[in-house]
Amino acid sequence: MTETLIDIIVKEKLDEMTKSIDDDVLRACLVEGGWTEIEFYYKNNRHAVEVLEWIGNNIKENQWTRLNSYFVFRKKKDASWFILRWL
């Protein structure tokens, strides 16, 4: 059976919704486990690169994650440094 354009669009939207819900559940679990969440939006692509480079240079691997429009940090201190630098 051949997929129509509508089928493809519906599947893509369902996949996006599923990922968003999964990310929200994971974020809630991390926060409940003591991680700190910060809602954050990039200003543009250059800003995104700068933020991610800064995180790579200043936060240890596996101590943070990006879920939807949130950064989530394992250590409150790292979240505080992020806030001071980027907000």
C-alpha atoms as a PDB file:
ATOM      1  CA  MET A   1       0.000   0.000   0.000  1.00  0.00           C
ATOM      2  CA  THR A   2       1.333   3.412  -0.945  1.00  0.00           C
ATOM      3  CA  GLU A   3       1.445   6.108   1.717  1.00  0.00           C
ATOM      4  CA  THR A   4      -0.269   9.336   0.835  1.00  0.00           C
ATOM      5  CA  LEU A   5       1.123  12.725   1.728  1.00  0.00           C
ATOM      6  CA  ILE A   6      -1.492  13.018   4.474  1.00  0.00           C
ATOM      7  CA  ASP A   7      -0.400   9.649   5.938  1.00  0.00           C
ATOM      8  CA  ILE A   8       3.205  10.802   5.987  1.00  0.00           C
ATOM      9  CA  ILE A   9       2.349  14.128   7.647  1.00  0.00           C
ATOM     10  CA  VAL A  10       0.139  12.448  10.260  1.00  0.00           C
ATOM     11  CA  LYS A  11       2.909   9.932  11.073  1.00  0.00           C
ATOM     12  CA  GLU A  12       5.490  12.712  11.433  1.00  0.00           C
ATOM     13  CA  LYS A  13       3.211  14.713  13.744  1.00  0.00           C
ATOM     14  CA  LEU A  14       2.460  11.627  15.861  1.00  0.00           C
ATOM     15  CA  ASP A  15       6.190  10.913  16.148  1.00  0.00           C
ATOM     16  CA  GLU A  16       6.798  14.527  17.256  1.00  0.00           C
ATOM     17  CA  MET A  17       4.027  14.306  19.852  1.00  0.00           C
ATOM     18  CA  THR A  18       5.345  10.994  21.172  1.00  0.00           C
ATOM     19  CA  LYS A  19       8.877  12.366  21.548  1.00  0.00           C
ATOM     20  CA  SER A  20       7.568  15.492  23.274  1.00  0.00           C
ATOM     21  CA  ILE A  21       5.553  13.434  25.755  1.00  0.00           C
ATOM     22  CA  ASP A  22       8.511  11.103  26.368  1.00  0.00           C
ATOM     23  CA  ASP A  23      10.784  14.099  26.981  1.00  0.00           C
ATOM     24  CA  ASP A  24       8.278  15.651  29.392  1.00  0.00           C
ATOM     25  CA  VAL A  25       8.003  12.407  31.373  1.00  0.00           C
ATOM     26  CA  LEU A  26      11.790  12.004  31.515  1.00  0.00           C
ATOM     27  CA  ARG A  27      12.224  15.632  32.604  1.00  0.00           C
ATOM     28  CA  ALA A  28       9.634  15.198  35.365  1.00  0.00           C
ATOM     29  CA  CYS A  29      11.438  12.082  36.604  1.00  0.00           C
ATOM     30  CA  LEU A  30      14.807  13.844  36.650  1.00  0.00           C
ATOM     31  CA  VAL A  31      13.390  16.850  38.506  1.00  0.00           C
ATOM     32  CA  GLU A  32      11.698  14.554  41.005  1.00  0.00           C
ATOM     33  CA  GLY A  33      15.097  12.906  41.466  1.00  0.00           C
ATOM     34  CA  GLY A  34      16.701  16.218  42.421  1.00  0.00           C
ATOM     35  CA  TRP A  35      17.812  17.639  39.066  1.00  0.00           C
ATOM     36  CA  THR A  36      17.188  21.326  38.285  1.00  0.00           C
ATOM     37  CA  GLU A  37      15.241  22.382  35.204  1.00  0.00           C
ATOM     38  CA  ILE A  38      15.594  25.701  33.394  1.00  0.00           C
ATOM     39  CA  GLU A  39      13.281  26.738  30.600  1.00  0.00           C
ATOM     40  CA  PHE A  40      15.458  28.233  27.887  1.00  0.00           C
ATOM     41  CA  TYR A  41      15.052  29.308  24.275  1.00  0.00           C
ATOM     42  CA  TYR A  42      17.870  29.978  21.841  1.00  0.00           C
ATOM     43  CA  LYS A  43      17.844  33.415  20.205  1.00  0.00           C
ATOM     44  CA  ASN A  44      19.231  32.073  16.915  1.00  0.00           C
ATOM     45  CA  ASN A  45      21.516  29.341  15.547  1.00  0.00           C
ATOM     46  CA  ARG A  46      24.690  31.156  16.557  1.00  0.00           C
ATOM     47  CA  HIS A  47      23.387  31.523  20.095  1.00  0.00           C
ATOM     48  CA  ALA A  48      22.633  27.780  20.201  1.00  0.00           C
ATOM     49  CA  VAL A  49      26.202  26.959  19.184  1.00  0.00           C
ATOM     50  CA  GLU A  50      27.623  29.334  21.806  1.00  0.00           C
ATOM     51  CA  VAL A  51      25.454  27.883  24.576  1.00  0.00           C
ATOM     52  CA  LEU A  52      26.289  24.276  23.701  1.00  0.00           C
ATOM     53  CA  GLU A  53      30.015  25.060  23.420  1.00  0.00           C
ATOM     54  CA  TRP A  54      29.914  26.729  26.836  1.00  0.00           C
ATOM     55  CA  ILE A  55      28.155  23.726  28.344  1.00  0.00           C
ATOM     56  CA  GLY A  56      30.673  21.372  26.734  1.00  0.00           C
ATOM     57  CA  ASN A  57      33.527  23.346  28.273  1.00  0.00           C
ATOM     58  CA  ASN A  58      31.996  23.900  31.716  1.00  0.00           C
ATOM     59  CA  ILE A  59      29.618  21.058  32.600  1.00  0.00           C
ATOM     60  CA  LYS A  60      30.714  17.446  32.886  1.00  0.00           C
ATOM     61  CA  GLU A  61      29.275  14.936  30.453  1.00  0.00           C
ATOM     62  CA  ASN A  62      26.125  13.152  31.667  1.00  0.00           C
ATOM     63  CA  GLN A  63      25.474  15.967  34.169  1.00  0.00           C
ATOM     64  CA  TRP A  64      22.941  17.766  31.974  1.00  0.00           C
ATOM     65  CA  THR A  65      20.435  17.169  29.207  1.00  0.00           C
ATOM     66  CA  ARG A  66      18.264  19.199  26.861  1.00  0.00           C
ATOM     67  CA  LEU A  67      14.609  18.152  26.717  1.00  0.00           C
ATOM     68  CA  ASN A  68      12.252  20.218  24.575  1.00  0.00           C
ATOM     69  CA  SER A  69      12.656  23.814  25.747  1.00  0.00           C
ATOM     70  CA  TYR A  70      14.381  22.861  29.002  1.00  0.00           C
ATOM     71  CA  PHE A  71      17.925  22.302  30.118  1.00  0.00           C
ATOM     72  CA  VAL A  72      18.054  19.942  33.090  1.00  0.00           C
ATOM     73  CA  PHE A  73      21.143  19.852  35.319  1.00  0.00           C
ATOM     74  CA  ARG A  74      22.109  17.210  37.858  1.00  0.00           C
ATOM     75  CA  LYS A  75      23.903  19.715  40.104  1.00  0.00           C
ATOM     76  CA  LYS A  76      22.222  22.890  41.337  1.00  0.00           C
ATOM     77  CA  LYS A  77      25.603  24.635  41.092  1.00  0.00           C
ATOM     78  CA  ASP A  78      25.790  23.918  37.339  1.00  0.00           C
ATOM     79  CA  ALA A  79      22.252  25.220  36.865  1.00  0.00           C
ATOM     80  CA  SER A  80      23.189  28.372  38.773  1.00  0.00           C
ATOM     81  CA  TRP A  81      26.260  28.964  36.594  1.00  0.00           C
ATOM     82  CA  PHE A  82      24.114  28.454  33.492  1.00  0.00           C
ATOM     83  CA  ILE A  83      21.580  30.984  34.733  1.00  0.00           C
ATOM     84  CA  LEU A  84      24.259  33.533  35.557  1.00  0.00           C
ATOM     85  CA  ARG A  85      25.863  33.144  32.150  1.00  0.00           C
ATOM     86  CA  TRP A  86      22.852  32.845  29.829  1.00  0.00           C
ATOM     87  CA  LEU A  87      19.781  34.381  31.459  1.00  0.00           C
END
